[in-house]
Amino acid sequence: MIVDLLGWIVLLVSIALVCTGAFCSMVGGLGLVRLPDFYARLHSGGITDTAGAGLILFGLMVYSGFNLATLKLMVILVFFLITSPSACHALARSAMDHGVKPEVDEATVGES
């Protein structure tokens, strides 16, 4: 009885994590379409990409339990947590070096 209840709890937690990660990824996709300039889109894609994939991978780790698959998912997660922000930074740096200017709202520049 307790083992069955624990199985259901693990299943529900993993489903919640995977669904939250999928929601983050969908919000990021919406941000890529709706935001005004390159840097805002890059920020939206980078943040939600990392958060969404991290939550999905973490949910899969919870679901699979403690085994070799969990170790492989951890390695993928660490790799993704290192490469995704680095790639976003490299893209932003390259865009800045090639003269892509961010859009600035003139009304809010002097209010800081």
PDB file of N, CA and C in Angstrom:
ATOM      1  N   MET A   1       0.823  -1.196   0.000  1.00  0.00           N
ATOM      2  CA  MET A   1       0.000   0.000   0.000  1.00  0.00           C
ATOM      3  C   MET A   1       0.863   1.254   0.000  1.00  0.00           C
ATOM      4  N   ILE A   2       1.865   1.307   0.904  1.00  0.00           N
ATOM      5  CA  ILE A   2       2.747   2.477   0.977  1.00  0.00           C
ATOM      6  C   ILE A   2       3.578   2.597  -0.289  1.00  0.00           C
ATOM      7  N   VAL A   3       4.048   1.453  -0.807  1.00  0.00           N
ATOM      8  CA  VAL A   3       4.861   1.462  -2.018  1.00  0.00           C
ATOM      9  C   VAL A   3       4.043   1.973  -3.192  1.00  0.00           C
ATOM     10  N   ASP A   4       2.789   1.565  -3.260  1.00  0.00           N
ATOM     11  CA  ASP A   4       1.925   2.032  -4.337  1.00  0.00           C
ATOM     12  C   ASP A   4       1.678   3.531  -4.231  1.00  0.00           C
ATOM     13  N   LEU A   5       1.485   4.029  -3.025  1.00  0.00           N
ATOM     14  CA  LEU A   5       1.290   5.460  -2.816  1.00  0.00           C
ATOM     15  C   LEU A   5       2.539   6.246  -3.186  1.00  0.00           C
ATOM     16  N   LEU A   6       3.699   5.719  -2.825  1.00  0.00           N
ATOM     17  CA  LEU A   6       4.961   6.374  -3.172  1.00  0.00           C
ATOM     18  C   LEU A   6       5.157   6.415  -4.687  1.00  0.00           C
ATOM     19  N   GLY A   7       4.765   5.348  -5.365  1.00  0.00           N
ATOM     20  CA  GLY A   7       4.834   5.324  -6.833  1.00  0.00           C
ATOM     21  C   GLY A   7       3.962   6.401  -7.460  1.00  0.00           C
ATOM     22  N   TRP A   8       2.766   6.588  -6.900  1.00  0.00           N
ATOM     23  CA  TRP A   8       1.876   7.629  -7.414  1.00  0.00           C
ATOM     24  C   TRP A   8       2.443   9.026  -7.158  1.00  0.00           C
ATOM     25  N   ILE A   9       3.054   9.221  -6.002  1.00  0.00           N
ATOM     26  CA  ILE A   9       3.642  10.524  -5.681  1.00  0.00           C
ATOM     27  C   ILE A   9       4.793  10.833  -6.630  1.00  0.00           C
ATOM     28  N   VAL A  10       5.644   9.840  -6.879  1.00  0.00           N
ATOM     29  CA  VAL A  10       6.753  10.027  -7.818  1.00  0.00           C
ATOM     30  C   VAL A  10       6.216  10.342  -9.208  1.00  0.00           C
ATOM     31  N   LEU A  11       5.185   9.629  -9.622  1.00  0.00           N
ATOM     32  CA  LEU A  11       4.594   9.874 -10.936  1.00  0.00           C
ATOM     33  C   LEU A  11       4.025  11.288 -11.038  1.00  0.00           C
ATOM     34  N   LEU A  12       3.299  11.725 -10.017  1.00  0.00           N
ATOM     35  CA  LEU A  12       2.696  13.058 -10.057  1.00  0.00           C
ATOM     36  C   LEU A  12       3.750  14.164 -10.029  1.00  0.00           C
ATOM     37  N   VAL A  13       4.809  13.982  -9.235  1.00  0.00           N
ATOM     38  CA  VAL A  13       5.884  14.980  -9.182  1.00  0.00           C
ATOM     39  C   VAL A  13       6.592  15.056 -10.530  1.00  0.00           C
ATOM     40  N   SER A  14       6.871  13.918 -11.133  1.00  0.00           N
ATOM     41  CA  SER A  14       7.545  13.930 -12.427  1.00  0.00           C
ATOM     42  C   SER A  14       6.664  14.531 -13.516  1.00  0.00           C
ATOM     43  N   ILE A  15       5.379  14.243 -13.486  1.00  0.00           N
ATOM     44  CA  ILE A  15       4.462  14.846 -14.459  1.00  0.00           C
ATOM     45  C   ILE A  15       4.410  16.352 -14.265  1.00  0.00           C
ATOM     46  N   ALA A  16       4.380  16.810 -13.024  1.00  0.00           N
ATOM     47  CA  ALA A  16       4.344  18.253 -12.757  1.00  0.00           C
ATOM     48  C   ALA A  16       5.614  18.930 -13.257  1.00  0.00           C
ATOM     49  N   LEU A  17       6.761  18.310 -13.034  1.00  0.00           N
ATOM     50  CA  LEU A  17       8.015  18.904 -13.500  1.00  0.00           C
ATOM     51  C   LEU A  17       8.095  18.940 -15.016  1.00  0.00           C
ATOM     52  N   VAL A  18       7.705  17.865 -15.669  1.00  0.00           N
ATOM     53  CA  VAL A  18       7.747  17.829 -17.131  1.00  0.00           C
ATOM     54  C   VAL A  18       6.760  18.836 -17.726  1.00  0.00           C
ATOM     55  N   CYS A  19       5.580  18.929 -17.156  1.00  0.00           N
ATOM     56  CA  CYS A  19       4.591  19.891 -17.664  1.00  0.00           C
ATOM     57  C   CYS A  19       5.043  21.333 -17.424  1.00  0.00           C
ATOM     58  N   THR A  20       5.654  21.607 -16.292  1.00  0.00           N
ATOM     59  CA  THR A  20       6.181  22.951 -16.031  1.00  0.00           C
ATOM     60  C   THR A  20       7.301  23.283 -16.994  1.00  0.00           C
ATOM     61  N   GLY A  21       8.168  22.324 -17.269  1.00  0.00           N
ATOM     62  CA  GLY A  21       9.232  22.539 -18.247  1.00  0.00           C
ATOM     63  C   GLY A  21       8.685  22.774 -19.640  1.00  0.00           C
ATOM     64  N   ALA A  22       7.658  22.035 -20.010  1.00  0.00           N
ATOM     65  CA  ALA A  22       7.037  22.241 -21.323  1.00  0.00           C
ATOM     66  C   ALA A  22       6.386  23.614 -21.397  1.00  0.00           C
ATOM     67  N   PHE A  23       5.768  24.051 -20.301  1.00  0.00           N
ATOM     68  CA  PHE A  23       5.169  25.386 -20.279  1.00  0.00           C
ATOM     69  C   PHE A  23       6.239  26.467 -20.435  1.00  0.00           C
ATOM     70  N   CYS A  24       7.362  26.310 -19.741  1.00  0.00           N
ATOM     71  CA  CYS A  24       8.467  27.273 -19.887  1.00  0.00           C
ATOM     72  C   CYS A  24       8.955  27.320 -21.324  1.00  0.00           C
ATOM     73  N   SER A  25       9.071  26.185 -21.949  1.00  0.00           N
ATOM     74  CA  SER A  25       9.531  26.138 -23.331  1.00  0.00           C
ATOM     75  C   SER A  25       8.525  26.805 -24.277  1.00  0.00           C
ATOM     76  N   MET A  26       7.240  26.612 -24.014  1.00  0.00           N
ATOM     77  CA  MET A  26       6.228  27.255 -24.856  1.00  0.00           C
ATOM     78  C   MET A  26       6.227  28.775 -24.669  1.00  0.00           C
ATOM     79  N   VAL A  27       6.404  29.227 -23.441  1.00  0.00           N
ATOM     80  CA  VAL A  27       6.487  30.669 -23.188  1.00  0.00           C
ATOM     81  C   VAL A  27       7.709  31.250 -23.895  1.00  0.00           C
ATOM     82  N   GLY A  28       8.805  30.525 -23.892  1.00  0.00           N
ATOM     83  CA  GLY A  28       9.999  30.965 -24.610  1.00  0.00           C
ATOM     84  C   GLY A  28       9.769  31.056 -26.106  1.00  0.00           C
ATOM     85  N   GLY A  29       9.056  30.093 -26.652  1.00  0.00           N
ATOM     86  CA  GLY A  29       8.715  30.145 -28.070  1.00  0.00           C
ATOM     87  C   GLY A  29       7.824  31.327 -28.390  1.00  0.00           C
ATOM     88  N   LEU A  30       6.893  31.620 -27.503  1.00  0.00           N
ATOM     89  CA  LEU A  30       6.041  32.792 -27.689  1.00  0.00           C
ATOM     90  C   LEU A  30       6.866  34.077 -27.610  1.00  0.00           C
ATOM     91  N   GLY A  31       7.834  34.105 -26.693  1.00  0.00           N
ATOM     92  CA  GLY A  31       8.711  35.265 -26.585  1.00  0.00           C
ATOM     93  C   GLY A  31       9.562  35.467 -27.820  1.00  0.00           C
ATOM     94  N   LEU A  32       9.972  34.379 -28.449  1.00  0.00           N
ATOM     95  CA  LEU A  32      10.747  34.495 -29.681  1.00  0.00           C
ATOM     96  C   LEU A  32       9.936  35.130 -30.802  1.00  0.00           C
ATOM     97  N   VAL A  33       8.653  34.911 -30.785  1.00  0.00           N
ATOM     98  CA  VAL A  33       7.793  35.473 -31.827  1.00  0.00           C
ATOM     99  C   VAL A  33       7.364  36.900 -31.499  1.00  0.00           C
ATOM    100  N   ARG A  34       7.082  37.185 -30.224  1.00  0.00           N
ATOM    101  CA  ARG A  34       6.441  38.439 -29.852  1.00  0.00           C
ATOM    102  C   ARG A  34       7.386  39.574 -29.459  1.00  0.00           C
ATOM    103  N   LEU A  35       8.597  39.286 -29.019  1.00  0.00           N
ATOM    104  CA  LEU A  35       9.465  40.344 -28.515  1.00  0.00           C
ATOM    105  C   LEU A  35      10.059  41.159 -29.660  1.00  0.00           C
ATOM    106  N   PRO A  36      10.406  42.436 -29.392  1.00  0.00           N
ATOM    107  CA  PRO A  36      10.682  43.372 -30.486  1.00  0.00           C
ATOM    108  C   PRO A  36      12.048  43.239 -31.165  1.00  0.00           C
ATOM    109  N   ASP A  37      13.125  42.983 -30.434  1.00  0.00           N
ATOM    110  CA  ASP A  37      14.430  43.013 -31.084  1.00  0.00           C
ATOM    111  C   ASP A  37      15.228  41.743 -30.794  1.00  0.00           C
ATOM    112  N   PHE A  38      16.393  41.677 -31.405  1.00  0.00           N
ATOM    113  CA  PHE A  38      17.230  40.482 -31.335  1.00  0.00           C
ATOM    114  C   PHE A  38      17.620  40.136 -29.908  1.00  0.00           C
ATOM    115  N   TYR A  39      18.026  41.121 -29.129  1.00  0.00           N
ATOM    116  CA  TYR A  39      18.520  40.851 -27.786  1.00  0.00           C
ATOM    117  C   TYR A  39      17.410  40.383 -26.844  1.00  0.00           C
ATOM    118  N   ALA A  40      16.237  40.954 -26.968  1.00  0.00           N
ATOM    119  CA  ALA A  40      15.111  40.499 -26.148  1.00  0.00           C
ATOM    120  C   ALA A  40      14.717  39.072 -26.521  1.00  0.00           C
ATOM    121  N   ARG A  41      14.727  38.784 -27.811  1.00  0.00           N
ATOM    122  CA  ARG A  41      14.406  37.432 -28.248  1.00  0.00           C
ATOM    123  C   ARG A  41      15.464  36.433 -27.796  1.00  0.00           C
ATOM    124  N   LEU A  42      16.708  36.851 -27.854  1.00  0.00           N
ATOM    125  CA  LEU A  42      17.794  35.984 -27.413  1.00  0.00           C
ATOM    126  C   LEU A  42      17.690  35.697 -25.914  1.00  0.00           C
ATOM    127  N   HIS A  43      17.358  36.721 -25.151  1.00  0.00           N
ATOM    128  CA  HIS A  43      17.198  36.555 -23.707  1.00  0.00           C
ATOM    129  C   HIS A  43      16.029  35.620 -23.403  1.00  0.00           C
ATOM    130  N   SER A  44      14.920  35.828 -24.082  1.00  0.00           N
ATOM    131  CA  SER A  44      13.757  34.970 -23.867  1.00  0.00           C
ATOM    132  C   SER A  44      14.063  33.526 -24.218  1.00  0.00           C
ATOM    133  N   GLY A  45      14.688  33.326 -25.343  1.00  0.00           N
ATOM    134  CA  GLY A  45      15.011  31.967 -25.764  1.00  0.00           C
ATOM    135  C   GLY A  45      16.017  31.301 -24.852  1.00  0.00           C
ATOM    136  N   GLY A  46      17.019  32.039 -24.422  1.00  0.00           N
ATOM    137  CA  GLY A  46      18.063  31.457 -23.588  1.00  0.00           C
ATOM    138  C   GLY A  46      17.593  31.083 -22.201  1.00  0.00           C
ATOM    139  N   ILE A  47      16.852  31.962 -21.574  1.00  0.00           N
ATOM    140  CA  ILE A  47      16.390  31.699 -20.209  1.00  0.00           C
ATOM    141  C   ILE A  47      15.362  30.566 -20.180  1.00  0.00           C
ATOM    142  N   THR A  48      14.352  30.673 -21.015  1.00  0.00           N
ATOM    143  CA  THR A  48      13.293  29.666 -20.973  1.00  0.00           C
ATOM    144  C   THR A  48      13.759  28.342 -21.557  1.00  0.00           C
ATOM    145  N   ASP A  49      14.709  28.386 -22.471  1.00  0.00           N
ATOM    146  CA  ASP A  49      15.279  27.165 -23.024  1.00  0.00           C
ATOM    147  C   ASP A  49      15.982  26.372 -21.930  1.00  0.00           C
ATOM    148  N   THR A  50      16.808  27.061 -21.155  1.00  0.00           N
ATOM    149  CA  THR A  50      17.540  26.403 -20.078  1.00  0.00           C
ATOM    150  C   THR A  50      16.590  25.923 -18.977  1.00  0.00           C
ATOM    151  N   ALA A  51      15.660  26.776 -18.581  1.00  0.00           N
ATOM    152  CA  ALA A  51      14.722  26.398 -17.515  1.00  0.00           C
ATOM    153  C   ALA A  51      13.806  25.257 -17.959  1.00  0.00           C
ATOM    154  N   GLY A  52      13.278  25.352 -19.171  1.00  0.00           N
ATOM    155  CA  GLY A  52      12.375  24.319 -19.657  1.00  0.00           C
ATOM    156  C   GLY A  52      13.050  22.964 -19.788  1.00  0.00           C
ATOM    157  N   ALA A  53      14.208  22.943 -20.419  1.00  0.00           N
ATOM    158  CA  ALA A  53      14.915  21.668 -20.584  1.00  0.00           C
ATOM    159  C   ALA A  53      15.385  21.123 -19.238  1.00  0.00           C
ATOM    160  N   GLY A  54      15.802  22.021 -18.340  1.00  0.00           N
ATOM    161  CA  GLY A  54      16.233  21.572 -17.015  1.00  0.00           C
ATOM    162  C   GLY A  54      15.105  20.929 -16.236  1.00  0.00           C
ATOM    163  N   LEU A  55      13.943  21.550 -16.272  1.00  0.00           N
ATOM    164  CA  LEU A  55      12.795  20.974 -15.558  1.00  0.00           C
ATOM    165  C   LEU A  55      12.347  19.652 -16.175  1.00  0.00           C
ATOM    166  N   ILE A  56      12.357  19.577 -17.494  1.00  0.00           N
ATOM    167  CA  ILE A  56      11.971  18.329 -18.155  1.00  0.00           C
ATOM    168  C   ILE A  56      12.956  17.217 -17.802  1.00  0.00           C
ATOM    169  N   LEU A  57      14.251  17.522 -17.875  1.00  0.00           N
ATOM    170  CA  LEU A  57      15.246  16.506 -17.532  1.00  0.00           C
ATOM    171  C   LEU A  57      15.151  16.103 -16.059  1.00  0.00           C
ATOM    172  N   PHE A  58      14.919  17.070 -15.182  1.00  0.00           N
ATOM    173  CA  PHE A  58      14.770  16.750 -13.769  1.00  0.00           C
ATOM    174  C   PHE A  58      13.538  15.871 -13.524  1.00  0.00           C
ATOM    175  N   GLY A  59      12.440  16.170 -14.226  1.00  0.00           N
ATOM    176  CA  GLY A  59      11.246  15.333 -14.117  1.00  0.00           C
ATOM    177  C   GLY A  59      11.498  13.915 -14.601  1.00  0.00           C
ATOM    178  N   LEU A  60      12.276  13.770 -15.664  1.00  0.00           N
ATOM    179  CA  LEU A  60      12.623  12.434 -16.141  1.00  0.00           C
ATOM    180  C   LEU A  60      13.526  11.698 -15.158  1.00  0.00           C
ATOM    181  N   MET A  61      14.406  12.465 -14.479  1.00  0.00           N
ATOM    182  CA  MET A  61      15.255  11.835 -13.457  1.00  0.00           C
ATOM    183  C   MET A  61      14.423  11.317 -12.289  1.00  0.00           C
ATOM    184  N   VAL A  62      13.444  12.105 -11.864  1.00  0.00           N
ATOM    185  CA  VAL A  62      12.574  11.674 -10.771  1.00  0.00           C
ATOM    186  C   VAL A  62      11.802  10.424 -11.179  1.00  0.00           C
ATOM    187  N   TYR A  63      11.323  10.404 -12.406  1.00  0.00           N
ATOM    188  CA  TYR A  63      10.526   9.272 -12.876  1.00  0.00           C
ATOM    189  C   TYR A  63      11.348   7.997 -13.009  1.00  0.00           C
ATOM    190  N   SER A  64      12.600   8.119 -13.462  1.00  0.00           N
ATOM    191  CA  SER A  64      13.383   6.911 -13.711  1.00  0.00           C
ATOM    192  C   SER A  64      13.974   6.307 -12.447  1.00  0.00           C
ATOM    193  N   GLY A  65      14.027   7.053 -11.349  1.00  0.00           N
ATOM    194  CA  GLY A  65      14.576   6.510 -10.112  1.00  0.00           C
ATOM    195  C   GLY A  65      16.098   6.585 -10.116  1.00  0.00           C
ATOM    196  N   PHE A  66      16.721   5.785  -9.262  1.00  0.00           N
ATOM    197  CA  PHE A  66      18.177   5.780  -9.177  1.00  0.00           C
ATOM    198  C   PHE A  66      18.729   4.620 -10.001  1.00  0.00           C
ATOM    199  N   ASN A  67      19.184   4.939 -11.213  1.00  0.00           N
ATOM    200  CA  ASN A  67      19.788   3.920 -12.063  1.00  0.00           C
ATOM    201  C   ASN A  67      20.731   4.603 -13.056  1.00  0.00           C
ATOM    202  N   LEU A  68      21.195   3.864 -14.037  1.00  0.00           N
ATOM    203  CA  LEU A  68      22.137   4.403 -15.010  1.00  0.00           C
ATOM    204  C   LEU A  68      21.492   5.500 -15.870  1.00  0.00           C
ATOM    205  N   ALA A  69      20.220   5.370 -16.156  1.00  0.00           N
ATOM    206  CA  ALA A  69      19.533   6.388 -16.944  1.00  0.00           C
ATOM    207  C   ALA A  69      19.539   7.738 -16.224  1.00  0.00           C
ATOM    208  N   THR A  70      19.393   7.732 -14.909  1.00  0.00           N
ATOM    209  CA  THR A  70      19.426   8.968 -14.130  1.00  0.00           C
ATOM    210  C   THR A  70      20.800   9.613 -14.208  1.00  0.00           C
ATOM    211  N   LEU A  71      21.848   8.826 -14.149  1.00  0.00           N
ATOM    212  CA  LEU A  71      23.199   9.351 -14.279  1.00  0.00           C
ATOM    213  C   LEU A  71      23.410   9.981 -15.654  1.00  0.00           C
ATOM    214  N   LYS A  72      22.922   9.332 -16.680  1.00  0.00           N
ATOM    215  CA  LYS A  72      23.038   9.878 -18.035  1.00  0.00           C
ATOM    216  C   LYS A  72      22.252  11.178 -18.162  1.00  0.00           C
ATOM    217  N   LEU A  73      21.066  11.226 -17.568  1.00  0.00           N
ATOM    218  CA  LEU A  73      20.272  12.456 -17.602  1.00  0.00           C
ATOM    219  C   LEU A  73      20.964  13.580 -16.841  1.00  0.00           C
ATOM    220  N   MET A  74      21.646  13.260 -15.752  1.00  0.00           N
ATOM    221  CA  MET A  74      22.404  14.275 -15.008  1.00  0.00           C
ATOM    222  C   MET A  74      23.545  14.835 -15.845  1.00  0.00           C
ATOM    223  N   VAL A  75      24.230  13.973 -16.562  1.00  0.00           N
ATOM    224  CA  VAL A  75      25.325  14.432 -17.432  1.00  0.00           C
ATOM    225  C   VAL A  75      24.776  15.330 -18.532  1.00  0.00           C
ATOM    226  N   ILE A  76      23.654  14.957 -19.116  1.00  0.00           N
ATOM    227  CA  ILE A  76      23.029  15.788 -20.144  1.00  0.00           C
ATOM    228  C   ILE A  76      22.619  17.133 -19.555  1.00  0.00           C
ATOM    229  N   LEU A  77      22.063  17.128 -18.352  1.00  0.00           N
ATOM    230  CA  LEU A  77      21.630  18.370 -17.710  1.00  0.00           C
ATOM    231  C   LEU A  77      22.812  19.293 -17.428  1.00  0.00           C
ATOM    232  N   VAL A  78      23.900  18.748 -16.900  1.00  0.00           N
ATOM    233  CA  VAL A  78      25.085  19.575 -16.626  1.00  0.00           C
ATOM    234  C   VAL A  78      25.636  20.145 -17.929  1.00  0.00           C
ATOM    235  N   PHE A  79      25.720  19.313 -18.965  1.00  0.00           N
ATOM    236  CA  PHE A  79      26.188  19.781 -20.265  1.00  0.00           C
ATOM    237  C   PHE A  79      25.299  20.902 -20.796  1.00  0.00           C
ATOM    238  N   PHE A  80      23.995  20.716 -20.670  1.00  0.00           N
ATOM    239  CA  PHE A  80      23.056  21.719 -21.181  1.00  0.00           C
ATOM    240  C   PHE A  80      23.119  23.008 -20.368  1.00  0.00           C
ATOM    241  N   LEU A  81      23.291  22.904 -19.049  1.00  0.00           N
ATOM    242  CA  LEU A  81      23.379  24.099 -18.207  1.00  0.00           C
ATOM    243  C   LEU A  81      24.652  24.900 -18.482  1.00  0.00           C
ATOM    244  N   ILE A  82      25.672  24.255 -19.013  1.00  0.00           N
ATOM    245  CA  ILE A  82      26.895  24.963 -19.364  1.00  0.00           C
ATOM    246  C   ILE A  82      26.818  25.537 -20.774  1.00  0.00           C
ATOM    247  N   THR A  83      26.330  24.759 -21.724  1.00  0.00           N
ATOM    248  CA  THR A  83      26.394  25.179 -23.120  1.00  0.00           C
ATOM    249  C   THR A  83      25.314  26.180 -23.527  1.00  0.00           C
ATOM    250  N   SER A  84      24.131  26.079 -22.989  1.00  0.00           N
ATOM    251  CA  SER A  84      23.059  26.973 -23.424  1.00  0.00           C
ATOM    252  C   SER A  84      23.327  28.438 -23.065  1.00  0.00           C
ATOM    253  N   PRO A  85      23.674  28.771 -21.827  1.00  0.00           N
ATOM    254  CA  PRO A  85      23.996  30.172 -21.549  1.00  0.00           C
ATOM    255  C   PRO A  85      25.249  30.648 -22.286  1.00  0.00           C
ATOM    256  N   SER A  86      26.209  29.761 -22.472  1.00  0.00           N
ATOM    257  CA  SER A  86      27.422  30.143 -23.206  1.00  0.00           C
ATOM    258  C   SER A  86      27.110  30.461 -24.659  1.00  0.00           C
ATOM    259  N   ALA A  87      26.239  29.678 -25.268  1.00  0.00           N
ATOM    260  CA  ALA A  87      25.850  29.926 -26.653  1.00  0.00           C
ATOM    261  C   ALA A  87      25.087  31.241 -26.783  1.00  0.00           C
ATOM    262  N   CYS A  88      24.194  31.521 -25.843  1.00  0.00           N
ATOM    263  CA  CYS A  88      23.451  32.786 -25.875  1.00  0.00           C
ATOM    264  C   CYS A  88      24.402  33.974 -25.716  1.00  0.00           C
ATOM    265  N   HIS A  89      25.366  33.842 -24.821  1.00  0.00           N
ATOM    266  CA  HIS A  89      26.336  34.918 -24.630  1.00  0.00           C
ATOM    267  C   HIS A  89      27.173  35.118 -25.889  1.00  0.00           C
ATOM    268  N   ALA A  90      27.585  34.035 -26.517  1.00  0.00           N
ATOM    269  CA  ALA A  90      28.377  34.147 -27.739  1.00  0.00           C
ATOM    270  C   ALA A  90      27.579  34.801 -28.868  1.00  0.00           C
ATOM    271  N   LEU A  91      26.309  34.467 -28.982  1.00  0.00           N
ATOM    272  CA  LEU A  91      25.468  35.093 -30.003  1.00  0.00           C
ATOM    273  C   LEU A  91      25.287  36.586 -29.737  1.00  0.00           C
ATOM    274  N   ALA A  92      25.047  36.943 -28.484  1.00  0.00           N
ATOM    275  CA  ALA A  92      24.879  38.358 -28.145  1.00  0.00           C
ATOM    276  C   ALA A  92      26.161  39.136 -28.375  1.00  0.00           C
ATOM    277  N   ARG A  93      27.282  38.552 -28.009  1.00  0.00           N
ATOM    278  CA  ARG A  93      28.575  39.206 -28.205  1.00  0.00           C
ATOM    279  C   ARG A  93      28.872  39.405 -29.688  1.00  0.00           C
ATOM    280  N   SER A  94      28.594  38.396 -30.486  1.00  0.00           N
ATOM    281  CA  SER A  94      28.811  38.496 -31.926  1.00  0.00           C
ATOM    282  C   SER A  94      27.894  39.541 -32.555  1.00  0.00           C
ATOM    283  N   ALA A  95      26.651  39.574 -32.121  1.00  0.00           N
ATOM    284  CA  ALA A  95      25.723  40.576 -32.654  1.00  0.00           C
ATOM    285  C   ALA A  95      26.182  41.978 -32.292  1.00  0.00           C
ATOM    286  N   MET A  96      26.657  42.162 -31.066  1.00  0.00           N
ATOM    287  CA  MET A  96      27.145  43.475 -30.648  1.00  0.00           C
ATOM    288  C   MET A  96      28.391  43.865 -31.444  1.00  0.00           C
ATOM    289  N   ASP A  97      29.276  42.917 -31.671  1.00  0.00           N
ATOM    290  CA  ASP A  97      30.492  43.186 -32.436  1.00  0.00           C
ATOM    291  C   ASP A  97      30.196  43.521 -33.892  1.00  0.00           C
ATOM    292  N   HIS A  98      29.115  42.994 -34.424  1.00  0.00           N
ATOM    293  CA  HIS A  98      28.753  43.256 -35.814  1.00  0.00           C
ATOM    294  C   HIS A  98      27.773  44.415 -35.964  1.00  0.00           C
ATOM    295  N   GLY A  99      27.539  45.148 -34.912  1.00  0.00           N
ATOM    296  CA  GLY A  99      26.776  46.385 -35.012  1.00  0.00           C
ATOM    297  C   GLY A  99      25.280  46.283 -34.847  1.00  0.00           C
ATOM    298  N   VAL A 100      24.774  45.189 -34.342  1.00  0.00           N
ATOM    299  CA  VAL A 100      23.332  45.084 -34.098  1.00  0.00           C
ATOM    300  C   VAL A 100      23.033  45.873 -32.834  1.00  0.00           C
ATOM    301  N   LYS A 101      22.235  46.909 -32.970  1.00  0.00           N
ATOM    302  CA  LYS A 101      21.910  47.782 -31.840  1.00  0.00           C
ATOM    303  C   LYS A 101      20.605  47.333 -31.186  1.00  0.00           C
ATOM    304  N   PRO A 102      20.553  47.372 -29.866  1.00  0.00           N
ATOM    305  CA  PRO A 102      19.286  47.046 -29.192  1.00  0.00           C
ATOM    306  C   PRO A 102      18.297  48.201 -29.328  1.00  0.00           C
ATOM    307  N   GLU A 103      17.014  47.851 -29.377  1.00  0.00           N
ATOM    308  CA  GLU A 103      15.980  48.886 -29.395  1.00  0.00           C
ATOM    309  C   GLU A 103      15.813  49.412 -27.981  1.00  0.00           C
ATOM    310  N   VAL A 104      15.840  50.746 -27.855  1.00  0.00           N
ATOM    311  CA  VAL A 104      15.731  51.379 -26.549  1.00  0.00           C
ATOM    312  C   VAL A 104      14.515  52.289 -26.568  1.00  0.00           C
ATOM    313  N   ASP A 105      13.705  52.192 -25.528  1.00  0.00           N
ATOM    314  CA  ASP A 105      12.555  53.070 -25.386  1.00  0.00           C
ATOM    315  C   ASP A 105      13.042  54.405 -24.847  1.00  0.00           C
ATOM    316  N   GLU A 106      12.962  55.440 -25.652  1.00  0.00           N
ATOM    317  CA  GLU A 106      13.501  56.754 -25.279  1.00  0.00           C
ATOM    318  C   GLU A 106      12.798  57.363 -24.067  1.00  0.00           C
ATOM    319  N   ALA A 107      11.548  56.978 -23.832  1.00  0.00           N
ATOM    320  CA  ALA A 107      10.792  57.560 -22.726  1.00  0.00           C
ATOM    321  C   ALA A 107      11.306  57.064 -21.369  1.00  0.00           C
ATOM    322  N   THR A 108      11.882  55.873 -21.337  1.00  0.00           N
ATOM    323  CA  THR A 108      12.324  55.312 -20.065  1.00  0.00           C
ATOM    324  C   THR A 108      13.823  55.423 -19.839  1.00  0.00           C
ATOM    325  N   VAL A 109      14.582  55.997 -20.768  1.00  0.00           N
ATOM    326  CA  VAL A 109      16.029  56.054 -20.625  1.00  0.00           C
ATOM    327  C   VAL A 109      16.436  56.974 -19.490  1.00  0.00           C
ATOM    328  N   GLY A 110      15.852  58.148 -19.382  1.00  0.00           N
ATOM    329  CA  GLY A 110      16.245  59.106 -18.376  1.00  0.00           C
ATOM    330  C   GLY A 110      15.617  58.917 -17.009  1.00  0.00           C
ATOM    331  N   GLU A 111      14.737  57.954 -16.843  1.00  0.00           N
ATOM    332  CA  GLU A 111      14.023  57.775 -15.580  1.00  0.00           C
ATOM    333  C   GLU A 111      14.795  56.986 -14.547  1.00  0.00           C
ATOM    334  N   SER A 112      15.884  56.357 -14.877  1.00  0.00           N
ATOM    335  CA  SER A 112      16.610  55.501 -13.931  1.00  0.00           C
ATOM    336  C   SER A 112      17.138  56.218 -12.793  1.00  0.00           C
TER     337      SER A 112
END
